[in-house]
N, C-alpha and C. Protein backbone atom coordinates (compact mmCIF):
# COMPACT_ATOMS: atom_id res chain seq x y z
N MET A 1 26.60 135.69 94.92
CA MET A 1 28.66 134.82 95.74
C MET A 1 28.51 134.55 93.98
N LEU A 2 30.01 134.14 94.30
CA LEU A 2 30.78 133.14 93.36
C LEU A 2 30.40 131.66 92.82
N PRO A 3 30.15 130.98 92.43
CA PRO A 3 30.43 129.32 92.16
C PRO A 3 31.80 129.40 92.73
N ALA A 4 31.83 127.92 93.76
CA ALA A 4 33.13 128.08 94.62
C ALA A 4 33.98 127.37 93.20
N ALA A 5 33.69 126.93 92.16
CA ALA A 5 34.11 126.39 91.44
C ALA A 5 34.92 127.70 90.19
N LEU A 6 34.24 128.19 90.33
CA LEU A 6 34.44 129.59 89.43
C LEU A 6 35.85 130.26 90.54
N VAL A 7 35.61 130.06 91.53
CA VAL A 7 36.30 130.90 92.69
C VAL A 7 38.23 129.83 92.52
N VAL A 8 37.74 128.55 92.88
CA VAL A 8 39.17 127.60 92.86
C VAL A 8 39.77 127.47 91.32
N GLN A 9 39.05 127.82 90.17
CA GLN A 9 39.89 128.53 89.12
C GLN A 9 40.70 129.21 89.24
N GLY A 10 39.78 130.65 89.27
CA GLY A 10 40.43 132.03 89.40
C GLY A 10 42.16 131.96 90.48
N LEU A 11 41.70 131.03 91.40
CA LEU A 11 42.95 130.89 92.34
C LEU A 11 43.98 130.23 91.93
N VAL A 12 43.92 129.21 91.29
CA VAL A 12 44.67 128.60 90.51
C VAL A 12 45.07 128.86 89.22
N LEU A 13 44.47 129.77 88.24
CA LEU A 13 45.05 130.41 87.49
C LEU A 13 46.14 131.39 87.88
N VAL A 14 45.99 132.11 88.80
CA VAL A 14 46.49 133.10 89.66
C VAL A 14 47.85 132.53 90.46
N SER A 15 47.47 131.70 90.64
CA SER A 15 48.48 130.96 91.62
C SER A 15 50.06 130.51 90.63
N VAL A 16 48.96 129.95 88.93
CA VAL A 16 50.46 129.17 88.37
C VAL A 16 50.95 130.38 87.59
N SER A 17 49.92 131.23 87.00
CA SER A 17 50.34 132.38 86.08
C SER A 17 51.78 133.36 87.17
N TRP A 18 51.30 133.17 88.88
CA TRP A 18 52.58 133.71 89.60
C TRP A 18 53.88 132.66 89.57
N GLN A 19 53.56 131.15 89.36
CA GLN A 19 54.50 131.22 89.42
C GLN A 19 55.54 130.52 88.09
N VAL A 20 55.02 130.83 86.89
CA VAL A 20 55.90 131.24 85.68
C VAL A 20 56.14 132.32 86.00
N ALA A 21 55.38 133.21 86.12
CA ALA A 21 56.07 134.79 85.95
C ALA A 21 57.64 135.07 86.84
N ALA A 22 57.49 134.21 87.98
CA ALA A 22 58.50 133.82 89.60
C ALA A 22 59.39 132.89 88.70
N ASP A 23 59.44 132.06 88.11
CA ASP A 23 60.02 130.47 87.73
C ASP A 23 60.38 130.01 89.43
N GLY A 24 58.71 130.10 90.10
CA GLY A 24 58.48 129.29 91.21
C GLY A 24 59.20 127.83 91.19
N PRO A 25 58.77 127.28 92.20
CA PRO A 25 58.70 125.90 92.81
C PRO A 25 57.66 124.69 92.34
N LEU A 26 57.04 125.11 91.63
CA LEU A 26 55.62 124.61 91.27
C LEU A 26 55.99 124.12 89.96
N LEU A 27 57.36 124.41 88.93
CA LEU A 27 57.66 124.45 87.66
C LEU A 27 58.27 123.63 88.19
N GLY A 28 58.67 122.76 88.72
CA GLY A 28 59.07 121.37 88.99
C GLY A 28 57.67 119.92 88.79
N LEU A 29 56.81 120.66 89.14
CA LEU A 29 55.70 119.44 88.49
C LEU A 29 55.89 119.75 87.14
N ASP A 30 55.80 120.50 86.69
CA ASP A 30 55.77 120.63 85.23
C ASP A 30 56.96 118.93 84.77
N ARG A 31 57.88 119.97 85.10
CA ARG A 31 59.15 118.38 84.50
C ARG A 31 59.27 117.38 85.14
N ARG A 32 58.36 117.03 86.34
CA ARG A 32 58.12 115.63 86.60
C ARG A 32 57.38 114.93 85.71
N ILE A 33 55.97 116.01 85.71
CA ILE A 33 55.28 115.03 84.68
C ILE A 33 55.93 114.70 83.38
N ARG A 34 56.49 115.61 82.48
CA ARG A 34 57.08 116.05 81.32
C ARG A 34 57.86 114.21 81.38
N GLN A 35 59.01 114.42 82.46
CA GLN A 35 59.76 112.82 82.74
C GLN A 35 58.89 111.86 82.74
N SER A 36 58.11 111.53 83.01
CA SER A 36 57.09 111.04 83.60
C SER A 36 55.97 110.66 82.13
N VAL A 37 55.97 111.14 81.41
CA VAL A 37 55.26 110.74 79.60
C VAL A 37 56.19 110.39 78.67
N HIS A 38 57.19 110.98 79.28
CA HIS A 38 58.20 110.64 78.29
C HIS A 38 58.31 109.00 78.14
N SER A 39 58.61 108.71 79.85
CA SER A 39 58.60 107.73 80.18
C SER A 39 57.50 106.77 79.55
N LEU A 40 56.60 107.24 79.66
CA LEU A 40 55.40 106.43 79.46
C LEU A 40 55.55 105.98 77.49
N ARG A 41 55.76 107.33 76.91
CA ARG A 41 55.91 107.09 75.78
C ARG A 41 57.00 105.78 75.25
N HIS A 42 58.12 107.08 75.39
CA HIS A 42 58.93 105.68 75.11
C HIS A 42 59.00 103.93 75.85
N GLY A 43 58.37 103.48 77.52
CA GLY A 43 57.64 102.40 77.34
C GLY A 43 56.69 101.61 76.44
N LEU A 44 55.50 102.35 76.04
CA LEU A 44 54.79 102.08 75.11
C LEU A 44 55.22 101.63 73.44
N SER A 45 55.91 102.92 73.31
CA SER A 45 56.48 102.96 71.57
C SER A 45 55.22 102.23 70.80
N SER A 46 54.20 102.87 70.91
CA SER A 46 53.44 102.93 69.75
C SER A 46 52.93 103.71 68.96
N SER A 47 52.93 103.26 67.88
CA SER A 47 53.16 104.29 67.04
C SER A 47 51.30 104.69 66.50
N PRO A 48 50.46 104.15 66.70
CA PRO A 48 48.73 104.41 66.78
C PRO A 48 48.47 105.65 68.08
N VAL A 49 49.01 105.07 69.07
CA VAL A 49 48.61 105.97 70.13
C VAL A 49 49.25 107.93 69.72
N ASP A 50 50.89 107.18 69.71
CA ASP A 50 51.19 108.96 68.48
C ASP A 50 50.41 109.27 67.55
N ARG A 51 50.13 108.98 67.28
CA ARG A 51 48.94 109.47 66.00
C ARG A 51 48.15 109.90 67.30
N LEU A 52 47.64 109.12 67.56
CA LEU A 52 46.16 109.31 68.64
C LEU A 52 46.53 110.78 69.12
N GLY A 53 47.39 110.79 69.94
CA GLY A 53 47.90 112.67 70.36
C GLY A 53 48.36 113.62 69.65
N GLU A 54 48.74 113.23 68.52
CA GLU A 54 48.65 114.06 67.58
C GLU A 54 47.72 114.74 66.75
N LEU A 55 46.26 113.58 66.62
CA LEU A 55 44.89 114.07 65.97
C LEU A 55 44.29 115.06 67.37
N LEU A 56 44.32 114.10 68.67
CA LEU A 56 44.14 114.91 70.37
C LEU A 56 44.62 116.14 69.83
N SER A 57 45.94 116.95 69.56
CA SER A 57 46.26 117.99 70.46
C SER A 57 45.37 119.13 68.40
N ASP A 58 45.64 118.12 67.74
CA ASP A 58 45.35 119.78 66.59
C ASP A 58 43.67 119.69 66.46
N LEU A 59 43.34 119.26 67.11
CA LEU A 59 41.18 119.06 67.75
C LEU A 59 41.58 120.48 68.21
N GLY A 60 42.63 121.23 68.80
CA GLY A 60 42.64 122.32 69.35
C GLY A 60 43.05 123.39 68.58
N GLY A 61 43.26 123.51 66.88
CA GLY A 61 43.55 124.61 66.57
C GLY A 61 42.62 125.63 66.42
N SER A 62 43.27 126.54 65.90
CA SER A 62 41.30 127.59 65.30
C SER A 62 40.91 127.13 64.35
N LEU A 63 41.07 126.52 63.15
CA LEU A 63 40.58 126.00 62.02
C LEU A 63 39.44 125.34 62.65
N PRO A 64 40.10 123.78 63.41
CA PRO A 64 38.85 122.59 63.36
C PRO A 64 37.94 123.29 64.68
N ALA A 65 38.55 123.99 65.92
CA ALA A 65 37.41 124.24 66.85
C ALA A 65 36.86 125.51 66.40
N GLY A 66 37.52 126.30 65.80
CA GLY A 66 36.46 128.10 64.90
C GLY A 66 35.70 127.22 64.25
N SER A 67 35.93 126.43 63.38
CA SER A 67 34.77 125.61 62.57
C SER A 67 33.68 125.30 62.80
N VAL A 68 34.04 124.57 64.02
CA VAL A 68 32.80 123.86 65.05
C VAL A 68 31.89 125.08 66.00
N LEU A 69 32.57 125.67 66.21
CA LEU A 69 32.07 126.73 66.72
C LEU A 69 31.10 127.23 66.14
N LEU A 70 31.69 128.46 64.96
CA LEU A 70 30.53 128.89 63.71
C LEU A 70 29.36 128.19 63.28
N GLY A 71 30.21 126.71 63.05
CA GLY A 71 28.76 125.75 62.60
C GLY A 71 28.00 125.07 63.96
N ALA A 72 28.06 125.91 65.12
CA ALA A 72 26.95 125.47 65.78
C ALA A 72 26.12 126.88 66.25
N GLY A 73 26.57 127.67 66.25
CA GLY A 73 26.04 129.09 66.22
C GLY A 73 24.98 128.89 65.10
N ALA A 74 25.55 128.64 63.25
CA ALA A 74 25.26 128.64 62.61
C ALA A 74 23.61 127.38 62.37
N LEU A 75 23.63 126.44 62.93
CA LEU A 75 22.41 125.45 63.50
C LEU A 75 21.73 125.24 64.32
N ALA A 76 22.55 126.45 65.38
CA ALA A 76 21.85 126.43 66.72
C ALA A 76 20.33 127.84 66.33
N ALA A 77 21.05 128.54 65.50
CA ALA A 77 20.33 129.65 64.79
C ALA A 77 19.20 129.16 64.25
N TRP A 78 19.53 127.46 62.95
CA TRP A 78 18.24 126.87 62.05
C TRP A 78 17.45 126.84 63.33
N ARG A 79 17.65 126.53 63.49
CA ARG A 79 17.15 125.28 64.85
C ARG A 79 15.98 126.65 65.40
N ALA A 80 16.53 127.22 66.06
CA ALA A 80 15.90 128.53 66.75
C ALA A 80 14.70 129.07 66.03
N ARG A 81 15.34 129.07 64.76
CA ARG A 81 14.44 129.85 63.94
C ARG A 81 12.73 128.65 63.59
N ARG A 82 13.22 127.78 63.09
CA ARG A 82 12.32 126.55 62.91
C ARG A 82 10.92 126.37 64.59
N ALA A 83 12.08 126.68 65.74
CA ALA A 83 11.17 126.73 66.73
C ALA A 83 10.08 127.62 67.18
N GLY A 84 10.10 128.90 66.50
CA GLY A 84 9.79 129.86 66.37
C GLY A 84 10.08 131.12 67.57
N VAL A 85 11.66 130.78 68.19
CA VAL A 85 12.18 131.63 68.84
C VAL A 85 12.22 132.81 68.57
N ARG A 86 11.78 134.45 68.87
CA ARG A 86 12.06 135.89 68.73
C ARG A 86 13.15 135.57 68.18
N ARG A 87 14.32 135.76 68.92
CA ARG A 87 15.76 136.57 68.91
C ARG A 87 16.68 134.65 68.16
N TRP A 88 15.77 134.27 67.29
CA TRP A 88 16.67 133.41 66.46
C TRP A 88 18.87 133.07 65.98
N TRP A 89 18.01 134.43 65.60
CA TRP A 89 19.32 134.37 65.24
C TRP A 89 20.89 135.07 66.07
N LEU A 90 20.22 135.03 67.40
CA LEU A 90 21.59 135.11 68.35
C LEU A 90 22.72 134.72 68.91
N PRO A 91 22.82 133.21 67.83
CA PRO A 91 23.98 132.32 68.29
C PRO A 91 24.59 132.29 67.43
N MET A 92 24.79 133.07 66.21
CA MET A 92 25.50 133.93 65.22
C MET A 92 26.34 134.38 65.28
N PRO A 93 25.91 135.46 66.51
CA PRO A 93 27.01 136.81 66.24
C PRO A 93 27.65 136.03 68.13
N VAL A 94 26.92 135.22 68.16
CA VAL A 94 27.52 134.64 69.67
C VAL A 94 29.12 134.15 69.71
N ALA A 95 28.76 133.04 68.80
CA ALA A 95 29.91 132.28 67.96
C ALA A 95 31.09 133.32 67.28
N ALA A 96 30.72 134.04 66.58
CA ALA A 96 31.69 135.08 65.84
C ALA A 96 31.96 135.79 67.19
N LEU A 97 31.67 136.68 68.09
CA LEU A 97 32.29 137.11 68.98
C LEU A 97 33.05 136.66 69.69
N THR A 98 32.80 134.89 69.95
CA THR A 98 33.74 134.54 71.26
C THR A 98 34.25 134.03 70.09
N ALA A 99 34.62 133.65 68.57
CA ALA A 99 35.96 132.92 67.96
C ALA A 99 36.94 134.17 67.69
N GLY A 100 36.63 135.21 68.12
CA GLY A 100 37.49 136.62 67.98
C GLY A 100 37.53 137.15 69.04
N LEU A 101 37.64 136.66 70.42
CA LEU A 101 37.03 137.05 71.45
C LEU A 101 38.41 135.84 71.74
N ILE A 102 38.83 134.67 70.99
CA ILE A 102 40.24 133.84 72.03
C ILE A 102 41.46 134.54 71.71
N PRO A 103 41.92 134.80 70.31
CA PRO A 103 43.21 135.01 70.52
C PRO A 103 43.40 136.46 70.88
N LEU A 104 42.44 137.90 71.52
CA LEU A 104 42.29 138.33 72.39
C LEU A 104 42.79 138.11 73.75
N LEU A 105 42.30 136.92 74.56
CA LEU A 105 43.08 136.25 75.19
C LEU A 105 44.08 135.85 75.64
N VAL A 106 44.57 135.59 74.54
CA VAL A 106 45.61 134.16 74.03
C VAL A 106 46.92 135.10 73.96
N VAL A 107 46.67 135.79 72.57
CA VAL A 107 48.05 136.36 72.36
C VAL A 107 48.83 137.40 73.71
N PRO A 108 48.44 138.71 73.85
CA PRO A 108 49.03 139.61 74.67
C PRO A 108 48.96 138.18 76.29
N ALA A 109 48.82 136.66 76.56
CA ALA A 109 49.10 136.33 77.61
C ALA A 109 50.50 135.57 77.23
N LYS A 110 50.47 135.52 76.37
CA LYS A 110 51.77 134.32 75.72
C LYS A 110 52.94 135.16 75.63
N ALA A 111 52.59 136.37 75.45
CA ALA A 111 53.56 137.22 75.05
C ALA A 111 54.26 138.19 76.19
N GLY A 112 53.24 138.53 77.04
CA GLY A 112 53.47 138.82 78.53
C GLY A 112 53.94 137.71 79.26
N PHE A 113 54.31 137.11 79.34
CA PHE A 113 54.65 136.15 79.65
C PHE A 113 56.26 135.27 79.18
N ALA A 114 56.03 135.29 77.50
CA ALA A 114 57.19 134.74 76.88
C ALA A 114 57.44 133.29 77.26
N ARG A 115 57.05 132.27 77.93
CA ARG A 115 57.67 131.33 78.77
C ARG A 115 58.14 129.95 77.20
N PRO A 116 59.30 129.84 77.55
CA PRO A 116 60.26 128.70 76.55
C PRO A 116 59.12 127.30 76.62
N GLY A 117 59.11 126.69 75.39
CA GLY A 117 58.50 125.15 75.20
C GLY A 117 59.17 124.39 75.82
N PRO A 118 58.66 123.35 76.03
CA PRO A 118 59.19 121.93 77.01
C PRO A 118 60.63 121.69 76.56
N LEU A 119 60.78 121.99 75.24
CA LEU A 119 62.31 121.84 74.35
C LEU A 119 63.39 122.68 75.08
N GLY A 120 63.12 123.95 75.44
CA GLY A 120 64.03 124.43 76.17
C GLY A 120 64.67 125.86 75.38
N LEU A 121 64.27 125.17 73.98
CA LEU A 121 65.17 126.31 72.82
C LEU A 121 64.74 127.61 73.50
N PRO A 122 65.03 128.88 73.09
CA PRO A 122 64.76 130.26 73.35
C PRO A 122 63.92 130.47 72.23
N LEU A 123 63.24 131.55 72.72
CA LEU A 123 62.28 132.38 71.55
C LEU A 123 62.87 132.63 70.61
N THR A 124 62.19 133.02 69.26
CA THR A 124 61.95 133.62 68.07
C THR A 124 61.57 134.61 68.57
N PRO A 125 62.16 136.02 67.58
CA PRO A 125 61.36 136.81 67.80
C PRO A 125 59.95 137.11 67.27
N GLU A 126 59.34 135.66 66.17
CA GLU A 126 58.24 136.27 66.23
C GLU A 126 57.34 135.08 66.78
N GLN A 127 57.81 133.78 68.30
CA GLN A 127 56.97 133.56 68.88
C GLN A 127 56.84 133.85 69.58
N TRP A 128 55.30 133.92 70.35
CA TRP A 128 54.79 133.90 71.91
C TRP A 128 55.20 133.98 73.00
N GLY A 129 55.73 132.49 72.61
CA GLY A 129 55.49 132.12 73.91
C GLY A 129 54.76 130.83 74.23
N TRP A 130 55.02 130.07 75.17
CA TRP A 130 53.79 128.81 75.60
C TRP A 130 53.16 129.18 76.43
N TYR A 131 52.93 130.29 77.74
CA TYR A 131 51.93 130.33 78.21
C TYR A 131 51.20 130.89 78.29
N PRO A 132 49.25 130.88 78.40
CA PRO A 132 49.18 129.66 78.09
C PRO A 132 48.56 128.83 77.23
N SER A 133 48.93 127.78 76.97
CA SER A 133 48.36 126.96 75.43
C SER A 133 46.98 127.45 75.02
N GLY A 134 47.54 127.77 74.00
CA GLY A 134 46.23 128.55 72.86
C GLY A 134 45.67 127.75 71.92
N HIS A 135 46.30 125.94 72.06
CA HIS A 135 45.06 125.25 71.83
C HIS A 135 44.24 124.66 72.74
N THR A 136 44.50 124.36 74.35
CA THR A 136 43.79 124.19 75.28
C THR A 136 42.45 125.43 75.43
N VAL A 137 42.97 126.49 75.69
CA VAL A 137 42.24 127.42 75.44
C VAL A 137 41.01 127.90 74.31
N THR A 138 41.63 127.51 73.13
CA THR A 138 40.88 127.88 71.86
C THR A 138 39.73 126.14 72.01
N ALA A 139 40.35 124.92 72.35
CA ALA A 139 39.20 123.66 72.32
C ALA A 139 38.29 124.30 73.24
N SER A 140 38.92 124.42 74.76
CA SER A 140 37.85 125.01 75.70
C SER A 140 36.82 125.53 75.08
N ILE A 141 37.15 126.91 75.43
CA ILE A 141 36.41 127.46 74.96
C ILE A 141 35.32 127.52 73.93
N ALA A 142 35.94 127.36 72.62
CA ALA A 142 35.17 127.07 71.38
C ALA A 142 33.79 125.70 71.24
N TYR A 143 34.89 124.42 71.66
CA TYR A 143 34.05 123.52 71.89
C TYR A 143 32.55 123.64 73.45
N GLY A 144 33.24 124.35 74.36
CA GLY A 144 32.19 124.96 74.96
C GLY A 144 30.78 125.22 74.57
N VAL A 145 30.99 126.67 74.15
CA VAL A 145 30.05 127.95 73.83
C VAL A 145 29.11 127.01 73.08
N ALA A 146 29.78 126.17 71.34
CA ALA A 146 29.25 125.14 71.01
C ALA A 146 28.49 125.01 71.25
N ALA A 147 28.73 124.12 72.30
CA ALA A 147 27.57 122.63 73.22
C ALA A 147 26.54 124.33 73.75
N LEU A 148 26.80 125.20 74.56
CA LEU A 148 26.28 125.75 74.98
C LEU A 148 25.24 126.32 73.77
N LEU A 149 25.36 126.80 72.48
CA LEU A 149 24.56 127.20 71.79
C LEU A 149 22.93 126.63 71.27
N LEU A 150 24.03 124.70 70.80
CA LEU A 150 23.19 124.14 70.63
C LEU A 150 22.87 123.50 71.29
N GLY A 151 22.95 123.41 72.62
CA GLY A 151 22.28 122.23 73.08
C GLY A 151 21.09 123.07 73.79
N ARG A 152 21.31 124.55 73.60
CA ARG A 152 19.96 124.88 74.03
C ARG A 152 18.61 125.13 73.50
N THR A 153 18.92 124.51 72.12
CA THR A 153 18.13 123.94 71.18
C THR A 153 17.44 122.29 71.05
N LEU A 154 18.26 121.67 71.64
CA LEU A 154 17.86 119.57 71.95
C LEU A 154 17.11 119.56 73.44
N GLY A 155 17.05 118.68 73.19
CA GLY A 155 16.03 117.66 74.46
C GLY A 155 17.36 117.34 75.42
N THR A 156 17.04 116.96 76.52
CA THR A 156 17.44 117.09 77.85
C THR A 156 18.37 115.98 77.30
N ARG A 157 18.09 114.58 76.57
CA ARG A 157 19.26 114.04 77.24
C ARG A 157 20.26 114.02 75.65
N ALA A 158 19.70 114.35 74.53
CA ALA A 158 21.00 115.27 73.90
C ALA A 158 21.70 115.89 74.03
N ARG A 159 20.83 117.28 75.06
CA ARG A 159 21.93 118.36 75.60
C ARG A 159 23.24 117.48 76.89
N ARG A 160 22.71 116.66 77.36
CA ARG A 160 23.76 116.04 78.41
C ARG A 160 25.11 115.53 77.69
N LEU A 161 24.52 114.62 76.33
CA LEU A 161 25.50 113.96 75.82
C LEU A 161 26.15 114.78 75.11
N LEU A 162 25.46 116.18 74.72
CA LEU A 162 26.64 117.04 73.93
C LEU A 162 27.24 117.87 74.82
N TYR A 163 27.04 118.10 75.93
CA TYR A 163 27.72 119.02 76.64
C TYR A 163 28.88 117.73 77.76
N GLY A 164 28.70 116.95 77.95
CA GLY A 164 29.72 115.68 78.08
C GLY A 164 30.71 115.45 77.06
N VAL A 165 30.55 115.78 75.60
CA VAL A 165 31.21 115.10 74.92
C VAL A 165 32.52 117.12 74.71
N ALA A 166 31.34 117.65 74.70
CA ALA A 166 32.16 119.32 74.78
C ALA A 166 32.92 119.22 76.48
N ALA A 167 33.13 118.50 77.29
CA ALA A 167 33.93 118.90 78.50
C ALA A 167 34.77 117.94 78.46
N LEU A 168 34.69 116.70 77.72
CA LEU A 168 35.98 115.30 76.99
C LEU A 168 36.56 116.01 76.72
N LEU A 169 36.38 116.71 75.41
CA LEU A 169 37.17 117.40 74.03
C LEU A 169 38.70 118.43 74.62
N PRO A 170 38.46 119.00 75.93
CA PRO A 170 39.37 120.36 75.76
C PRO A 170 40.29 118.99 76.40
N VAL A 171 40.26 118.17 77.77
CA VAL A 171 40.54 116.95 77.90
C VAL A 171 41.96 116.60 77.29
N GLY A 172 40.48 116.15 76.28
CA GLY A 172 41.85 115.13 75.29
C GLY A 172 43.33 115.58 74.95
N VAL A 173 42.54 117.54 73.70
CA VAL A 173 43.47 118.05 73.42
C VAL A 173 44.71 118.35 74.44
N GLY A 174 44.03 118.72 76.02
CA GLY A 174 45.18 118.82 76.88
C GLY A 174 46.39 118.06 77.10
N LEU A 175 45.64 116.71 76.65
CA LEU A 175 46.40 115.63 77.19
C LEU A 175 47.25 114.68 75.48
N GLY A 176 46.62 115.61 74.62
CA GLY A 176 47.74 115.35 73.06
C GLY A 176 48.96 116.17 73.43
N LEU A 177 48.94 117.19 73.91
CA LEU A 177 49.67 118.59 73.98
C LEU A 177 50.99 117.72 74.53
N LEU A 178 50.03 117.30 76.12
CA LEU A 178 51.93 117.06 76.91
C LEU A 178 52.47 115.41 76.29
N TRP A 179 51.34 114.41 75.26
CA TRP A 179 52.09 113.51 74.69
C TRP A 179 52.77 113.63 73.77
N CYS A 180 52.77 114.70 73.02
CA CYS A 180 53.67 115.04 71.86
C CYS A 180 54.78 116.47 72.14
N ASP A 181 54.66 116.59 73.81
CA ASP A 181 55.57 117.35 74.39
C ASP A 181 55.61 118.81 73.65
N TYR A 182 54.32 119.24 73.41
CA TYR A 182 53.85 121.01 72.96
C TYR A 182 53.65 121.61 74.26
N HIS A 183 53.46 121.17 75.10
CA HIS A 183 53.42 121.90 75.99
C HIS A 183 53.62 121.64 77.73
N TRP A 184 54.10 122.36 78.46
CA TRP A 184 54.34 122.16 79.65
C TRP A 184 52.90 121.39 80.17
N PHE A 185 52.60 120.77 81.40
CA PHE A 185 51.54 120.49 81.92
C PHE A 185 50.82 121.77 82.71
N LEU A 186 51.34 122.91 83.10
CA LEU A 186 51.19 124.11 83.57
C LEU A 186 50.53 124.92 82.61
N ASP A 187 51.02 124.86 81.35
CA ASP A 187 50.46 125.23 79.89
C ASP A 187 49.08 125.11 80.15
N VAL A 188 49.26 123.45 79.94
CA VAL A 188 47.50 123.21 80.17
C VAL A 188 46.54 123.46 80.98
N VAL A 189 46.96 124.02 82.28
CA VAL A 189 46.05 123.86 83.20
C VAL A 189 45.38 125.07 83.22
N ALA A 190 46.35 126.46 83.11
CA ALA A 190 45.77 127.44 83.15
C ALA A 190 45.45 127.55 81.41
N GLY A 191 45.08 126.92 80.50
CA GLY A 191 44.16 127.10 79.31
C GLY A 191 42.40 126.69 80.04
N TRP A 192 42.66 125.66 80.68
CA TRP A 192 41.27 124.71 80.90
C TRP A 192 40.61 125.86 82.02
N CYS A 193 41.59 127.11 83.07
CA CYS A 193 40.89 127.47 84.14
C CYS A 193 40.26 128.26 83.13
N ILE A 194 41.48 129.08 82.08
CA ILE A 194 40.51 130.26 81.92
C ILE A 194 39.16 130.14 81.12
N ALA A 195 39.02 129.10 80.15
CA ALA A 195 37.43 128.79 79.70
C ALA A 195 37.00 128.51 80.40
N GLY A 196 36.95 127.88 81.62
CA GLY A 196 36.61 127.58 83.32
C GLY A 196 35.57 129.40 83.61
N LEU A 197 36.74 130.07 83.57
CA LEU A 197 35.54 131.46 84.41
C LEU A 197 35.00 131.91 82.77
N LEU A 198 35.54 131.75 81.60
CA LEU A 198 34.72 132.84 80.88
C LEU A 198 33.83 131.78 79.98
N VAL A 199 33.44 130.27 80.22
CA VAL A 199 32.26 130.23 78.90
C VAL A 199 30.97 130.07 80.17
N PRO A 200 31.56 130.31 81.64
CA PRO A 200 29.98 130.11 82.11
C PRO A 200 29.31 131.52 82.17
N GLY A 201 30.83 132.96 82.07
CA GLY A 201 29.90 133.69 81.88
C GLY A 201 28.88 135.00 80.39
N VAL A 202 29.31 134.04 79.19
CA VAL A 202 28.97 133.72 78.30
C VAL A 202 27.49 133.03 78.31
N SER A 203 27.40 131.60 78.85
CA SER A 203 25.98 131.43 79.70
C SER A 203 24.91 131.81 80.12
N ARG A 204 25.89 133.11 81.13
CA ARG A 204 24.66 134.10 81.46
C ARG A 204 24.37 134.96 80.37
N LEU A 205 25.14 135.15 79.50
CA LEU A 205 24.83 136.51 78.82
C LEU A 205 23.89 135.51 77.92
N LEU A 206 23.17 134.58 77.84
CA LEU A 206 22.95 134.06 77.10
C LEU A 206 20.93 134.35 77.33
N PRO A 207 20.05 134.42 76.14
CA PRO A 207 18.50 133.96 77.09
C PRO A 207 18.11 133.30 77.70
N GLY A 208 17.16 133.08 78.17
CA GLY A 208 16.38 131.45 78.51
C GLY A 208 16.00 130.56 77.14
N ALA A 209 16.63 129.71 77.93
CA ALA A 209 16.43 128.49 76.43
C ALA A 209 15.13 128.26 75.76
N PRO A 210 15.21 128.16 74.30
CA PRO A 210 13.34 127.92 73.59
C PRO A 210 12.60 126.87 74.73
N GLU A 211 11.88 127.05 74.67
CA GLU A 211 10.82 126.00 74.82
C GLU A 211 10.72 124.82 74.72
N ARG A 212 11.28 124.19 73.95
CA ARG A 212 11.54 123.19 73.68
C ARG A 212 12.71 122.77 74.12
N ALA A 213 14.05 123.24 74.43
CA ALA A 213 14.91 122.83 75.28
C ALA A 213 14.55 122.82 76.46
N THR A 214 13.31 122.96 76.56
CA THR A 214 13.66 122.79 78.70
C THR A 214 12.54 122.32 79.08
N THR A 215 12.10 121.23 78.02
CA THR A 215 10.58 120.45 78.62
C THR A 215 11.49 119.24 78.73
N ASP A 216 10.93 118.59 79.38
CA ASP A 216 11.78 116.37 80.11
C ASP A 216 11.50 116.36 79.05
N ARG A 217 11.23 116.35 77.93
CA ARG A 217 10.43 115.06 77.33
C ARG A 217 12.30 114.75 76.45
N GLU A 218 12.58 113.55 76.40
CA GLU A 218 13.49 113.35 75.57
C GLU A 218 13.48 113.34 74.07
N ASP A 219 14.80 113.27 73.76
CA ASP A 219 15.08 113.16 71.75
C ASP A 219 15.61 111.75 71.52
């Protein structure tokens, strides 16, 4: 039986996708949240906060997120080799395949839904659309899988810290995208749900953690 969290995320993704495709009433939530963010941003009128929003949204780009994913795969393989793990090299192809999978998930969905962005401008021929948020999907999957690969080689305390950071980064990316008016709220929610369904699957495909990472010793 699927964990309840996966079922909930799947239902949310299906419901939101249906509303986006049908231009349903749930899209009113997007407009209300966008208006609230605009009011807050205008009230603060803070350049440092605006720059922080830009920085957070940029963390969802394929270059920074992909580099972290591939780097974590290489580092995890190196640490596993030092620990004497038989298939020490496995994190590297997992990281590479994950990096290649992300655009295969995002691009067809964007092209299929062809949703205009928050500015309301019509899509140009070279644009795919805004739903789901590619930056959110990229950040959530790349940082999540990177943490899974590297966390298997760490002690309990370091692993928990790494997982916490990996969970917070996609939240920050999503908030940055909303603050900068780059995406609708439901675009971001869909990105979180897609990653929430995929990352646990990647975790199940990985073999057991190296012995040094499964002990109760704290790093």
